[in-house]
Amino acid sequence: MGIIENARDIADLVKKYNDQDLYARIVELREEILAIREENLELREAVRKLTDSVAVSAEIERQGNCYYRKDDTDRQHPFCLTCWDYERKLVGLILAPRYGGGRSIKCGVCECRAKS
């Protein structure tokens, strides 16, 4: 039985004995428990995002104005430098041939452009 169920059972017992002050306190306690539970879920999500970010950081390396996965030896799949550095979002870049040779890259999220 969880903490919420225990609080509910206690509230029901108090209600039986018709102690309104105690019942009100139990209801307040239950609301506080729910708020703590919600905060706990939010903190767990924040920890998960940070853990994921650290894992991705270990998998990528910067080369020029892009990030690449370390196992992308041909450098065919660049990621946006700006999106990763500012928001920790790994956003693939759009590659386009450039007039005069080479290729240009563009981020579809932040509109950042670079040469590669």
PDB file of N, CA and C in Angstrom:
ATOM      1  N   MET A   1       0.850  -1.173   0.000  1.00  0.00           N
ATOM      2  CA  MET A   1       0.000   0.000   0.000  1.00  0.00           C
ATOM      3  C   MET A   1       0.896   1.237   0.000  1.00  0.00           C
ATOM      4  N   GLY A   2       0.575   2.191  -0.876  1.00  0.00           N
ATOM      5  CA  GLY A   2       1.390   3.383  -1.006  1.00  0.00           C
ATOM      6  C   GLY A   2       0.996   4.474  -0.027  1.00  0.00           C
ATOM      7  N   ILE A   3       1.782   5.516  -0.018  1.00  0.00           N
ATOM      8  CA  ILE A   3       1.580   6.617   0.921  1.00  0.00           C
ATOM      9  C   ILE A   3       0.247   7.332   0.669  1.00  0.00           C
ATOM     10  N   ILE A   4      -0.140   7.453  -0.596  1.00  0.00           N
ATOM     11  CA  ILE A   4      -1.414   8.109  -0.924  1.00  0.00           C
ATOM     12  C   ILE A   4      -2.586   7.287  -0.385  1.00  0.00           C
ATOM     13  N   GLU A   5      -2.526   5.975  -0.575  1.00  0.00           N
ATOM     14  CA  GLU A   5      -3.592   5.105  -0.092  1.00  0.00           C
ATOM     15  C   GLU A   5      -3.665   5.135   1.437  1.00  0.00           C
ATOM     16  N   ASN A   6      -2.504   5.163   2.095  1.00  0.00           N
ATOM     17  CA  ASN A   6      -2.480   5.245   3.555  1.00  0.00           C
ATOM     18  C   ASN A   6      -3.131   6.539   4.035  1.00  0.00           C
ATOM     19  N   ALA A   7      -2.810   7.656   3.389  1.00  0.00           N
ATOM     20  CA  ALA A   7      -3.396   8.943   3.770  1.00  0.00           C
ATOM     21  C   ALA A   7      -4.906   8.919   3.562  1.00  0.00           C
ATOM     22  N   ARG A   8      -5.342   8.312   2.465  1.00  0.00           N
ATOM     23  CA  ARG A   8      -6.774   8.211   2.186  1.00  0.00           C
ATOM     24  C   ARG A   8      -7.478   7.363   3.257  1.00  0.00           C
ATOM     25  N   ASP A   9      -6.866   6.237   3.624  1.00  0.00           N
ATOM     26  CA  ASP A   9      -7.455   5.378   4.652  1.00  0.00           C
ATOM     27  C   ASP A   9      -7.539   6.097   6.000  1.00  0.00           C
ATOM     28  N   ILE A  10      -6.498   6.826   6.340  1.00  0.00           N
ATOM     29  CA  ILE A  10      -6.497   7.577   7.599  1.00  0.00           C
ATOM     30  C   ILE A  10      -7.585   8.646   7.568  1.00  0.00           C
ATOM     31  N   ALA A  11      -7.711   9.332   6.425  1.00  0.00           N
ATOM     32  CA  ALA A  11      -8.750  10.354   6.291  1.00  0.00           C
ATOM     33  C   ALA A  11     -10.134   9.742   6.466  1.00  0.00           C
ATOM     34  N   ASP A  12     -10.352   8.550   5.897  1.00  0.00           N
ATOM     35  CA  ASP A  12     -11.646   7.879   6.047  1.00  0.00           C
ATOM     36  C   ASP A  12     -11.922   7.521   7.506  1.00  0.00           C
ATOM     37  N   LEU A  13     -10.874   7.057   8.223  1.00  0.00           N
ATOM     38  CA  LEU A  13     -11.042   6.721   9.646  1.00  0.00           C
ATOM     39  C   LEU A  13     -11.389   7.964  10.463  1.00  0.00           C
ATOM     40  N   VAL A  14     -10.685   9.056  10.183  1.00  0.00           N
ATOM     41  CA  VAL A  14     -10.932  10.300  10.911  1.00  0.00           C
ATOM     42  C   VAL A  14     -12.340  10.804  10.623  1.00  0.00           C
ATOM     43  N   LYS A  15     -12.782  10.660   9.389  1.00  0.00           N
ATOM     44  CA  LYS A  15     -14.126  11.095   8.994  1.00  0.00           C
ATOM     45  C   LYS A  15     -15.187  10.321   9.789  1.00  0.00           C
ATOM     46  N   LYS A  16     -14.922   9.027  10.030  1.00  0.00           N
ATOM     47  CA  LYS A  16     -15.847   8.186  10.788  1.00  0.00           C
ATOM     48  C   LYS A  16     -16.063   8.730  12.201  1.00  0.00           C
ATOM     49  N   TYR A  17     -14.979   9.229  12.795  1.00  0.00           N
ATOM     50  CA  TYR A  17     -15.056   9.724  14.167  1.00  0.00           C
ATOM     51  C   TYR A  17     -15.468  11.191  14.222  1.00  0.00           C
ATOM     52  N   ASN A  18     -15.730  11.786  13.052  1.00  0.00           N
ATOM     53  CA  ASN A  18     -16.281  13.127  12.926  1.00  0.00           C
ATOM     54  C   ASN A  18     -15.400  14.204  13.578  1.00  0.00           C
ATOM     55  N   ASP A  19     -14.085  14.091  13.413  1.00  0.00           N
ATOM     56  CA  ASP A  19     -13.159  15.124  13.898  1.00  0.00           C
ATOM     57  C   ASP A  19     -12.771  15.980  12.694  1.00  0.00           C
ATOM     58  N   GLN A  20     -13.492  17.069  12.501  1.00  0.00           N
ATOM     59  CA  GLN A  20     -13.327  17.905  11.311  1.00  0.00           C
ATOM     60  C   GLN A  20     -11.935  18.540  11.222  1.00  0.00           C
ATOM     61  N   ASP A  21     -11.380  18.986  12.343  1.00  0.00           N
ATOM     62  CA  ASP A  21     -10.050  19.603  12.314  1.00  0.00           C
ATOM     63  C   ASP A  21      -8.995  18.596  11.870  1.00  0.00           C
ATOM     64  N   LEU A  22      -9.052  17.419  12.451  1.00  0.00           N
ATOM     65  CA  LEU A  22      -8.092  16.389  12.074  1.00  0.00           C
ATOM     66  C   LEU A  22      -8.289  15.973  10.625  1.00  0.00           C
ATOM     67  N   TYR A  23      -9.541  15.873  10.199  1.00  0.00           N
ATOM     68  CA  TYR A  23      -9.834  15.511   8.808  1.00  0.00           C
ATOM     69  C   TYR A  23      -9.254  16.560   7.853  1.00  0.00           C
ATOM     70  N   ALA A  24      -9.417  17.830   8.173  1.00  0.00           N
ATOM     71  CA  ALA A  24      -8.871  18.901   7.328  1.00  0.00           C
ATOM     72  C   ALA A  24      -7.348  18.809   7.254  1.00  0.00           C
ATOM     73  N   ARG A  25      -6.719  18.514   8.371  1.00  0.00           N
ATOM     74  CA  ARG A  25      -5.246  18.378   8.387  1.00  0.00           C
ATOM     75  C   ARG A  25      -4.795  17.196   7.526  1.00  0.00           C
ATOM     76  N   ILE A  26      -5.536  16.099   7.573  1.00  0.00           N
ATOM     77  CA  ILE A  26      -5.205  14.929   6.765  1.00  0.00           C
ATOM     78  C   ILE A  26      -5.350  15.259   5.285  1.00  0.00           C
ATOM     79  N   VAL A  27      -6.384  15.991   4.919  1.00  0.00           N
ATOM     80  CA  VAL A  27      -6.585  16.393   3.526  1.00  0.00           C
ATOM     81  C   VAL A  27      -5.423  17.284   3.075  1.00  0.00           C
ATOM     82  N   GLU A  28      -5.002  18.223   3.926  1.00  0.00           N
ATOM     83  CA  GLU A  28      -3.849  19.073   3.609  1.00  0.00           C
ATOM     84  C   GLU A  28      -2.590  18.227   3.417  1.00  0.00           C
ATOM     85  N   LEU A  29      -2.414  17.247   4.302  1.00  0.00           N
ATOM     86  CA  LEU A  29      -1.256  16.360   4.197  1.00  0.00           C
ATOM     87  C   LEU A  29      -1.275  15.600   2.881  1.00  0.00           C
ATOM     88  N   ARG A  30      -2.442  15.130   2.504  1.00  0.00           N
ATOM     89  CA  ARG A  30      -2.566  14.396   1.244  1.00  0.00           C
ATOM     90  C   ARG A  30      -2.204  15.296   0.055  1.00  0.00           C
ATOM     91  N   GLU A  31      -2.642  16.550   0.073  1.00  0.00           N
ATOM     92  CA  GLU A  31      -2.305  17.496  -0.989  1.00  0.00           C
ATOM     93  C   GLU A  31      -0.799  17.757  -1.044  1.00  0.00           C
ATOM     94  N   GLU A  32      -0.173  17.879   0.113  1.00  0.00           N
ATOM     95  CA  GLU A  32       1.282  18.076   0.160  1.00  0.00           C
ATOM     96  C   GLU A  32       2.009  16.849  -0.401  1.00  0.00           C
ATOM     97  N   ILE A  33       1.505  15.676  -0.070  1.00  0.00           N
ATOM     98  CA  ILE A  33       2.107  14.442  -0.584  1.00  0.00           C
ATOM     99  C   ILE A  33       2.009  14.419  -2.107  1.00  0.00           C
ATOM    100  N   LEU A  34       0.859  14.793  -2.651  1.00  0.00           N
ATOM    101  CA  LEU A  34       0.683  14.817  -4.103  1.00  0.00           C
ATOM    102  C   LEU A  34       1.636  15.829  -4.744  1.00  0.00           C
ATOM    103  N   ALA A  35       1.822  16.980  -4.117  1.00  0.00           N
ATOM    104  CA  ALA A  35       2.746  17.990  -4.654  1.00  0.00           C
ATOM    105  C   ALA A  35       4.180  17.473  -4.643  1.00  0.00           C
ATOM    106  N   ILE A  36       4.562  16.811  -3.567  1.00  0.00           N
ATOM    107  CA  ILE A  36       5.917  16.243  -3.481  1.00  0.00           C
ATOM    108  C   ILE A  36       6.096  15.158  -4.526  1.00  0.00           C
ATOM    109  N   ARG A  37       5.072  14.357  -4.716  1.00  0.00           N
ATOM    110  CA  ARG A  37       5.133  13.291  -5.721  1.00  0.00           C
ATOM    111  C   ARG A  37       5.322  13.871  -7.126  1.00  0.00           C
ATOM    112  N   GLU A  38       4.578  14.949  -7.430  1.00  0.00           N
ATOM    113  CA  GLU A  38       4.703  15.600  -8.732  1.00  0.00           C
ATOM    114  C   GLU A  38       6.108  16.202  -8.911  1.00  0.00           C
ATOM    115  N   GLU A  39       6.603  16.839  -7.862  1.00  0.00           N
ATOM    116  CA  GLU A  39       7.957  17.402  -7.924  1.00  0.00           C
ATOM    117  C   GLU A  39       8.995  16.297  -8.133  1.00  0.00           C
ATOM    118  N   ASN A  40       8.791  15.179  -7.478  1.00  0.00           N
ATOM    119  CA  ASN A  40       9.691  14.038  -7.627  1.00  0.00           C
ATOM    120  C   ASN A  40       9.728  13.566  -9.081  1.00  0.00           C
ATOM    121  N   LEU A  41       8.558  13.484  -9.721  1.00  0.00           N
ATOM    122  CA  LEU A  41       8.505  13.074 -11.126  1.00  0.00           C
ATOM    123  C   LEU A  41       9.232  14.077 -12.019  1.00  0.00           C
ATOM    124  N   GLU A  42       9.042  15.365 -11.745  1.00  0.00           N
ATOM    125  CA  GLU A  42       9.727  16.393 -12.524  1.00  0.00           C
ATOM    126  C   GLU A  42      11.244  16.297 -12.351  1.00  0.00           C
ATOM    127  N   LEU A  43      11.689  16.073 -11.130  1.00  0.00           N
ATOM    128  CA  LEU A  43      13.132  15.945 -10.873  1.00  0.00           C
ATOM    129  C   LEU A  43      13.708  14.703 -11.546  1.00  0.00           C
ATOM    130  N   ARG A  44      12.962  13.619 -11.527  1.00  0.00           N
ATOM    131  CA  ARG A  44      13.420  12.400 -12.210  1.00  0.00           C
ATOM    132  C   ARG A  44      13.578  12.640 -13.710  1.00  0.00           C
ATOM    133  N   GLU A  45      12.641  13.387 -14.291  1.00  0.00           N
ATOM    134  CA  GLU A  45      12.715  13.697 -15.720  1.00  0.00           C
ATOM    135  C   GLU A  45      13.935  14.586 -16.006  1.00  0.00           C
ATOM    136  N   ALA A  46      14.191  15.554 -15.132  1.00  0.00           N
ATOM    137  CA  ALA A  46      15.354  16.426 -15.304  1.00  0.00           C
ATOM    138  C   ALA A  46      16.651  15.623 -15.211  1.00  0.00           C
ATOM    139  N   VAL A  47      16.721  14.696 -14.278  1.00  0.00           N
ATOM    140  CA  VAL A  47      17.903  13.841 -14.140  1.00  0.00           C
ATOM    141  C   VAL A  47      18.083  12.970 -15.375  1.00  0.00           C
ATOM    142  N   ARG A  48      16.970  12.435 -15.901  1.00  0.00           N
ATOM    143  CA  ARG A  48      17.050  11.610 -17.106  1.00  0.00           C
ATOM    144  C   ARG A  48      17.597  12.418 -18.283  1.00  0.00           C
ATOM    145  N   LYS A  49      17.112  13.650 -18.439  1.00  0.00           N
ATOM    146  CA  LYS A  49      17.584  14.501 -19.533  1.00  0.00           C
ATOM    147  C   LYS A  49      19.064  14.811 -19.385  1.00  0.00           C
ATOM    148  N   LEU A  50      19.499  15.102 -18.172  1.00  0.00           N
ATOM    149  CA  LEU A  50      20.925  15.381 -17.941  1.00  0.00           C
ATOM    150  C   LEU A  50      21.781  14.144 -18.206  1.00  0.00           C
ATOM    151  N   THR A  51      21.303  13.002 -17.784  1.00  0.00           N
ATOM    152  CA  THR A  51      22.031  11.752 -18.023  1.00  0.00           C
ATOM    153  C   THR A  51      22.146  11.478 -19.520  1.00  0.00           C
ATOM    154  N   ASP A  52      21.049  11.684 -20.246  1.00  0.00           N
ATOM    155  CA  ASP A  52      21.071  11.504 -21.698  1.00  0.00           C
ATOM    156  C   ASP A  52      22.040  12.479 -22.352  1.00  0.00           C
ATOM    157  N   SER A  53      22.050  13.711 -21.876  1.00  0.00           N
ATOM    158  CA  SER A  53      22.942  14.738 -22.431  1.00  0.00           C
ATOM    159  C   SER A  53      24.409  14.362 -22.223  1.00  0.00           C
ATOM    160  N   VAL A  54      24.723  13.851 -21.054  1.00  0.00           N
ATOM    161  CA  VAL A  54      26.098  13.427 -20.776  1.00  0.00           C
ATOM    162  C   VAL A  54      26.483  12.263 -21.683  1.00  0.00           C
ATOM    163  N   ALA A  55      25.566  11.333 -21.892  1.00  0.00           N
ATOM    164  CA  ALA A  55      25.848  10.183 -22.755  1.00  0.00           C
ATOM    165  C   ALA A  55      26.093  10.637 -24.193  1.00  0.00           C
ATOM    166  N   VAL A  56      25.287  11.571 -24.680  1.00  0.00           N
ATOM    167  CA  VAL A  56      25.470  12.073 -26.044  1.00  0.00           C
ATOM    168  C   VAL A  56      26.790  12.833 -26.145  1.00  0.00           C
ATOM    169  N   SER A  57      27.106  13.628 -25.131  1.00  0.00           N
ATOM    170  CA  SER A  57      28.367  14.381 -25.136  1.00  0.00           C
ATOM    171  C   SER A  57      29.574  13.458 -25.313  1.00  0.00           C
ATOM    172  N   ALA A  58      29.499  12.276 -24.753  1.00  0.00           N
ATOM    173  CA  ALA A  58      30.598  11.322 -24.869  1.00  0.00           C
ATOM    174  C   ALA A  58      30.675  10.710 -26.264  1.00  0.00           C
ATOM    175  N   GLU A  59      29.574  10.753 -27.007  1.00  0.00           N
ATOM    176  CA  GLU A  59      29.515  10.132 -28.333  1.00  0.00           C
ATOM    177  C   GLU A  59      29.842  11.083 -29.477  1.00  0.00           C
ATOM    178  N   ILE A  60      29.884  12.392 -29.208  1.00  0.00           N
ATOM    179  CA  ILE A  60      30.085  13.343 -30.299  1.00  0.00           C
ATOM    180  C   ILE A  60      31.384  14.128 -30.109  1.00  0.00           C
ATOM    181  N   GLU A  61      31.863  14.671 -31.241  1.00  0.00           N
ATOM    182  CA  GLU A  61      33.039  15.527 -31.199  1.00  0.00           C
ATOM    183  C   GLU A  61      32.866  16.651 -32.208  1.00  0.00           C
ATOM    184  N   ARG A  62      33.443  17.778 -31.870  1.00  0.00           N
ATOM    185  CA  ARG A  62      33.321  18.938 -32.745  1.00  0.00           C
ATOM    186  C   ARG A  62      34.404  18.902 -33.807  1.00  0.00           C
ATOM    187  N   GLN A  63      33.989  19.220 -35.023  1.00  0.00           N
ATOM    188  CA  GLN A  63      34.942  19.409 -36.110  1.00  0.00           C
ATOM    189  C   GLN A  63      34.437  20.604 -36.914  1.00  0.00           C
ATOM    190  N   GLY A  64      35.175  21.672 -36.901  1.00  0.00           N
ATOM    191  CA  GLY A  64      34.753  22.886 -37.585  1.00  0.00           C
ATOM    192  C   GLY A  64      33.511  23.449 -36.933  1.00  0.00           C
ATOM    193  N   ASN A  65      32.503  23.718 -37.738  1.00  0.00           N
ATOM    194  CA  ASN A  65      31.258  24.303 -37.240  1.00  0.00           C
ATOM    195  C   ASN A  65      30.162  23.273 -37.018  1.00  0.00           C
ATOM    196  N   CYS A  66      30.530  22.022 -36.849  1.00  0.00           N
ATOM    197  CA  CYS A  66      29.546  20.946 -36.684  1.00  0.00           C
ATOM    198  C   CYS A  66      30.013  19.978 -35.604  1.00  0.00           C
ATOM    199  N   TYR A  67      29.071  19.197 -35.140  1.00  0.00           N
ATOM    200  CA  TYR A  67      29.380  18.039 -34.312  1.00  0.00           C
ATOM    201  C   TYR A  67      29.123  16.800 -35.158  1.00  0.00           C
ATOM    202  N   TYR A  68      29.920  15.783 -34.909  1.00  0.00           N
ATOM    203  CA  TYR A  68      29.751  14.487 -35.561  1.00  0.00           C
ATOM    204  C   TYR A  68      29.831  13.410 -34.490  1.00  0.00           C
ATOM    205  N   ARG A  69      29.146  12.312 -34.731  1.00  0.00           N
ATOM    206  CA  ARG A  69      29.339  11.149 -33.856  1.00  0.00           C
ATOM    207  C   ARG A  69      30.747  10.632 -34.095  1.00  0.00           C
ATOM    208  N   LYS A  70      31.366  10.163 -33.058  1.00  0.00           N
ATOM    209  CA  LYS A  70      32.748   9.689 -33.176  1.00  0.00           C
ATOM    210  C   LYS A  70      32.868   8.522 -34.148  1.00  0.00           C
ATOM    211  N   ASP A  71      31.828   7.725 -34.291  1.00  0.00           N
ATOM    212  CA  ASP A  71      31.892   6.576 -35.205  1.00  0.00           C
ATOM    213  C   ASP A  71      31.528   6.951 -36.649  1.00  0.00           C
ATOM    214  N   ASP A  72      31.217   8.227 -36.902  1.00  0.00           N
ATOM    215  CA  ASP A  72      30.913   8.706 -38.259  1.00  0.00           C
ATOM    216  C   ASP A  72      32.228   9.144 -38.904  1.00  0.00           C
ATOM    217  N   THR A  73      33.035   8.175 -39.298  1.00  0.00           N
ATOM    218  CA  THR A  73      34.378   8.481 -39.809  1.00  0.00           C
ATOM    219  C   THR A  73      34.354   9.212 -41.146  1.00  0.00           C
ATOM    220  N   ASP A  74      33.303   9.051 -41.934  1.00  0.00           N
ATOM    221  CA  ASP A  74      33.202   9.737 -43.229  1.00  0.00           C
ATOM    222  C   ASP A  74      32.665  11.158 -43.093  1.00  0.00           C
ATOM    223  N   ARG A  75      32.240  11.511 -41.901  1.00  0.00           N
ATOM    224  CA  ARG A  75      31.697  12.847 -41.626  1.00  0.00           C
ATOM    225  C   ARG A  75      30.541  13.191 -42.577  1.00  0.00           C
ATOM    226  N   GLN A  76      29.617  12.250 -42.711  1.00  0.00           N
ATOM    227  CA  GLN A  76      28.473  12.418 -43.600  1.00  0.00           C
ATOM    228  C   GLN A  76      27.214  12.889 -42.880  1.00  0.00           C
ATOM    229  N   HIS A  77      27.214  12.873 -41.547  1.00  0.00           N
ATOM    230  CA  HIS A  77      26.012  13.201 -40.784  1.00  0.00           C
ATOM    231  C   HIS A  77      26.330  14.248 -39.714  1.00  0.00           C
ATOM    232  N   PRO A  78      26.429  15.517 -40.123  1.00  0.00           N
ATOM    233  CA  PRO A  78      26.751  16.579 -39.156  1.00  0.00           C
ATOM    234  C   PRO A  78      25.545  16.977 -38.303  1.00  0.00           C
ATOM    235  N   PHE A  79      25.842  17.493 -37.121  1.00  0.00           N
ATOM    236  CA  PHE A  79      24.817  17.989 -36.210  1.00  0.00           C
ATOM    237  C   PHE A  79      25.082  19.456 -35.908  1.00  0.00           C
ATOM    238  N   CYS A  80      24.024  20.191 -35.621  1.00  0.00           N
ATOM    239  CA  CYS A  80      24.096  21.640 -35.427  1.00  0.00           C
ATOM    240  C   CYS A  80      24.874  21.997 -34.156  1.00  0.00           C
ATOM    241  N   LEU A  81      25.878  22.808 -34.335  1.00  0.00           N
ATOM    242  CA  LEU A  81      26.707  23.292 -33.235  1.00  0.00           C
ATOM    243  C   LEU A  81      25.885  24.171 -32.287  1.00  0.00           C
ATOM    244  N   THR A  82      25.106  25.066 -32.851  1.00  0.00           N
ATOM    245  CA  THR A  82      24.329  26.010 -32.051  1.00  0.00           C
ATOM    246  C   THR A  82      23.261  25.295 -31.223  1.00  0.00           C
ATOM    247  N   CYS A  83      22.504  24.416 -31.840  1.00  0.00           N
ATOM    248  CA  CYS A  83      21.438  23.716 -31.127  1.00  0.00           C
ATOM    249  C   CYS A  83      21.998  22.878 -29.973  1.00  0.00           C
ATOM    250  N   TRP A  84      23.126  22.210 -30.201  1.00  0.00           N
ATOM    251  CA  TRP A  84      23.696  21.392 -29.136  1.00  0.00           C
ATOM    252  C   TRP A  84      24.278  22.257 -28.029  1.00  0.00           C
ATOM    253  N   ASP A  85      25.045  23.283 -28.384  1.00  0.00           N
ATOM    254  CA  ASP A  85      25.705  24.094 -27.369  1.00  0.00           C
ATOM    255  C   ASP A  85      24.722  24.881 -26.496  1.00  0.00           C
ATOM    256  N   TYR A  86      23.620  25.334 -27.083  1.00  0.00           N
ATOM    257  CA  TYR A  86      22.693  26.158 -26.326  1.00  0.00           C
ATOM    258  C   TYR A  86      21.524  25.408 -25.715  1.00  0.00           C
ATOM    259  N   GLU A  87      21.048  24.376 -26.391  1.00  0.00           N
ATOM    260  CA  GLU A  87      19.835  23.709 -25.907  1.00  0.00           C
ATOM    261  C   GLU A  87      19.996  22.213 -25.695  1.00  0.00           C
ATOM    262  N   ARG A  88      21.182  21.694 -25.945  1.00  0.00           N
ATOM    263  CA  ARG A  88      21.441  20.261 -25.794  1.00  0.00           C
ATOM    264  C   ARG A  88      20.489  19.429 -26.638  1.00  0.00           C
ATOM    265  N   LYS A  89      20.208  19.941 -27.864  1.00  0.00           N
ATOM    266  CA  LYS A  89      19.403  19.200 -28.829  1.00  0.00           C
ATOM    267  C   LYS A  89      20.329  18.765 -29.956  1.00  0.00           C
ATOM    268  N   LEU A  90      20.332  17.499 -30.253  1.00  0.00           N
ATOM    269  CA  LEU A  90      21.157  16.970 -31.328  1.00  0.00           C
ATOM    270  C   LEU A  90      20.329  17.000 -32.616  1.00  0.00           C
ATOM    271  N   VAL A  91      20.552  18.051 -33.413  1.00  0.00           N
ATOM    272  CA  VAL A  91      19.749  18.289 -34.603  1.00  0.00           C
ATOM    273  C   VAL A  91      20.612  18.045 -35.845  1.00  0.00           C
ATOM    274  N   GLY A  92      20.168  17.134 -36.699  1.00  0.00           N
ATOM    275  CA  GLY A  92      20.880  16.860 -37.940  1.00  0.00           C
ATOM    276  C   GLY A  92      20.806  18.051 -38.880  1.00  0.00           C
ATOM    277  N   LEU A  93      21.884  18.284 -39.606  1.00  0.00           N
ATOM    278  CA  LEU A  93      21.947  19.407 -40.534  1.00  0.00           C
ATOM    279  C   LEU A  93      21.579  18.964 -41.947  1.00  0.00           C
ATOM    280  N   ILE A  94      21.072  19.912 -42.715  1.00  0.00           N
ATOM    281  CA  ILE A  94      20.706  19.667 -44.106  1.00  0.00           C
ATOM    282  C   ILE A  94      21.935  19.990 -44.950  1.00  0.00           C
ATOM    283  N   LEU A  95      22.367  19.039 -45.745  1.00  0.00           N
ATOM    284  CA  LEU A  95      23.543  19.217 -46.590  1.00  0.00           C
ATOM    285  C   LEU A  95      23.103  19.607 -47.994  1.00  0.00           C
ATOM    286  N   ALA A  96      23.823  20.560 -48.587  1.00  0.00           N
ATOM    287  CA  ALA A  96      23.520  20.975 -49.959  1.00  0.00           C
ATOM    288  C   ALA A  96      24.834  21.283 -50.671  1.00  0.00           C
ATOM    289  N   PRO A  97      24.963  20.879 -51.937  1.00  0.00           N
ATOM    290  CA  PRO A  97      26.188  21.215 -52.664  1.00  0.00           C
ATOM    291  C   PRO A  97      26.283  22.729 -52.855  1.00  0.00           C
ATOM    292  N   ARG A  98      27.495  23.224 -52.807  1.00  0.00           N
ATOM    293  CA  ARG A  98      27.720  24.661 -52.985  1.00  0.00           C
ATOM    294  C   ARG A  98      28.277  24.930 -54.365  1.00  0.00           C
ATOM    295  N   TYR A  99      27.913  26.073 -54.895  1.00  0.00           N
ATOM    296  CA  TYR A  99      28.478  26.500 -56.169  1.00  0.00           C
ATOM    297  C   TYR A  99      29.980  26.671 -55.983  1.00  0.00           C
ATOM    298  N   GLY A 100      30.763  26.086 -56.826  1.00  0.00           N
ATOM    299  CA  GLY A 100      32.214  26.179 -56.725  1.00  0.00           C
ATOM    300  C   GLY A 100      32.835  25.041 -55.923  1.00  0.00           C
ATOM    301  N   GLY A 101      32.043  24.070 -55.545  1.00  0.00           N
ATOM    302  CA  GLY A 101      32.582  22.918 -54.831  1.00  0.00           C
ATOM    303  C   GLY A 101      32.286  22.980 -53.338  1.00  0.00           C
ATOM    304  N   GLY A 102      32.489  21.876 -52.698  1.00  0.00           N
ATOM    305  CA  GLY A 102      32.197  21.780 -51.270  1.00  0.00           C
ATOM    306  C   GLY A 102      30.710  21.615 -51.033  1.00  0.00           C
ATOM    307  N   ARG A 103      30.301  21.848 -49.822  1.00  0.00           N
ATOM    308  CA  ARG A 103      28.890  21.743 -49.489  1.00  0.00           C
ATOM    309  C   ARG A 103      28.567  22.748 -48.396  1.00  0.00           C
ATOM    310  N   SER A 104      27.333  23.166 -48.369  1.00  0.00           N
ATOM    311  CA  SER A 104      26.900  24.047 -47.295  1.00  0.00           C
ATOM    312  C   SER A 104      25.932  23.256 -46.433  1.00  0.00           C
ATOM    313  N   ILE A 105      25.828  23.677 -45.224  1.00  0.00           N
ATOM    314  CA  ILE A 105      24.941  22.995 -44.291  1.00  0.00           C
ATOM    315  C   ILE A 105      24.015  24.018 -43.655  1.00  0.00           C
ATOM    316  N   LYS A 106      22.816  23.570 -43.326  1.00  0.00           N
ATOM    317  CA  LYS A 106      21.828  24.459 -42.731  1.00  0.00           C
ATOM    318  C   LYS A 106      21.053  23.677 -41.688  1.00  0.00           C
ATOM    319  N   CYS A 107      20.794  24.342 -40.585  1.00  0.00           N
ATOM    320  CA  CYS A 107      19.978  23.737 -39.545  1.00  0.00           C
ATOM    321  C   CYS A 107      18.520  24.102 -39.795  1.00  0.00           C
ATOM    322  N   GLY A 108      17.652  23.109 -39.828  1.00  0.00           N
ATOM    323  CA  GLY A 108      16.239  23.346 -40.037  1.00  0.00           C
ATOM    324  C   GLY A 108      15.535  23.877 -38.799  1.00  0.00           C
ATOM    325  N   VAL A 109      16.215  23.869 -37.647  1.00  0.00           N
ATOM    326  CA  VAL A 109      15.589  24.351 -36.414  1.00  0.00           C
ATOM    327  C   VAL A 109      15.974  25.794 -36.121  1.00  0.00           C
ATOM    328  N   CYS A 110      17.275  26.068 -36.075  1.00  0.00           N
ATOM    329  CA  CYS A 110      17.701  27.414 -35.684  1.00  0.00           C
ATOM    330  C   CYS A 110      18.145  28.259 -36.890  1.00  0.00           C
ATOM    331  N   GLU A 111      18.100  27.682 -38.091  1.00  0.00           N
ATOM    332  CA  GLU A 111      18.461  28.377 -39.326  1.00  0.00           C
ATOM    333  C   GLU A 111      19.947  28.744 -39.407  1.00  0.00           C
ATOM    334  N   CYS A 112      20.756  28.180 -38.553  1.00  0.00           N
ATOM    335  CA  CYS A 112      22.201  28.438 -38.588  1.00  0.00           C
ATOM    336  C   CYS A 112      22.777  27.829 -39.865  1.00  0.00           C
ATOM    337  N   ARG A 113      23.699  28.552 -40.480  1.00  0.00           N
ATOM    338  CA  ARG A 113      24.342  28.079 -41.710  1.00  0.00           C
ATOM    339  C   ARG A 113      25.836  28.005 -41.493  1.00  0.00           C
ATOM    340  N   ALA A 114      26.470  27.059 -42.176  1.00  0.00           N
ATOM    341  CA  ALA A 114      27.932  26.939 -42.069  1.00  0.00           C
ATOM    342  C   ALA A 114      28.452  26.273 -43.324  1.00  0.00           C
ATOM    343  N   LYS A 115      29.749  26.331 -43.478  1.00  0.00           N
ATOM    344  CA  LYS A 115      30.419  25.635 -44.579  1.00  0.00           C
ATOM    345  C   LYS A 115      31.119  24.424 -43.999  1.00  0.00           C
ATOM    346  N   SER A 116      31.123  23.355 -44.744  1.00  0.00           N
ATOM    347  CA  SER A 116      31.871  22.192 -44.262  1.00  0.00           C
ATOM    348  C   SER A 116      32.788  21.690 -45.332  1.00  0.00           C
TER     349      SER A 116
END
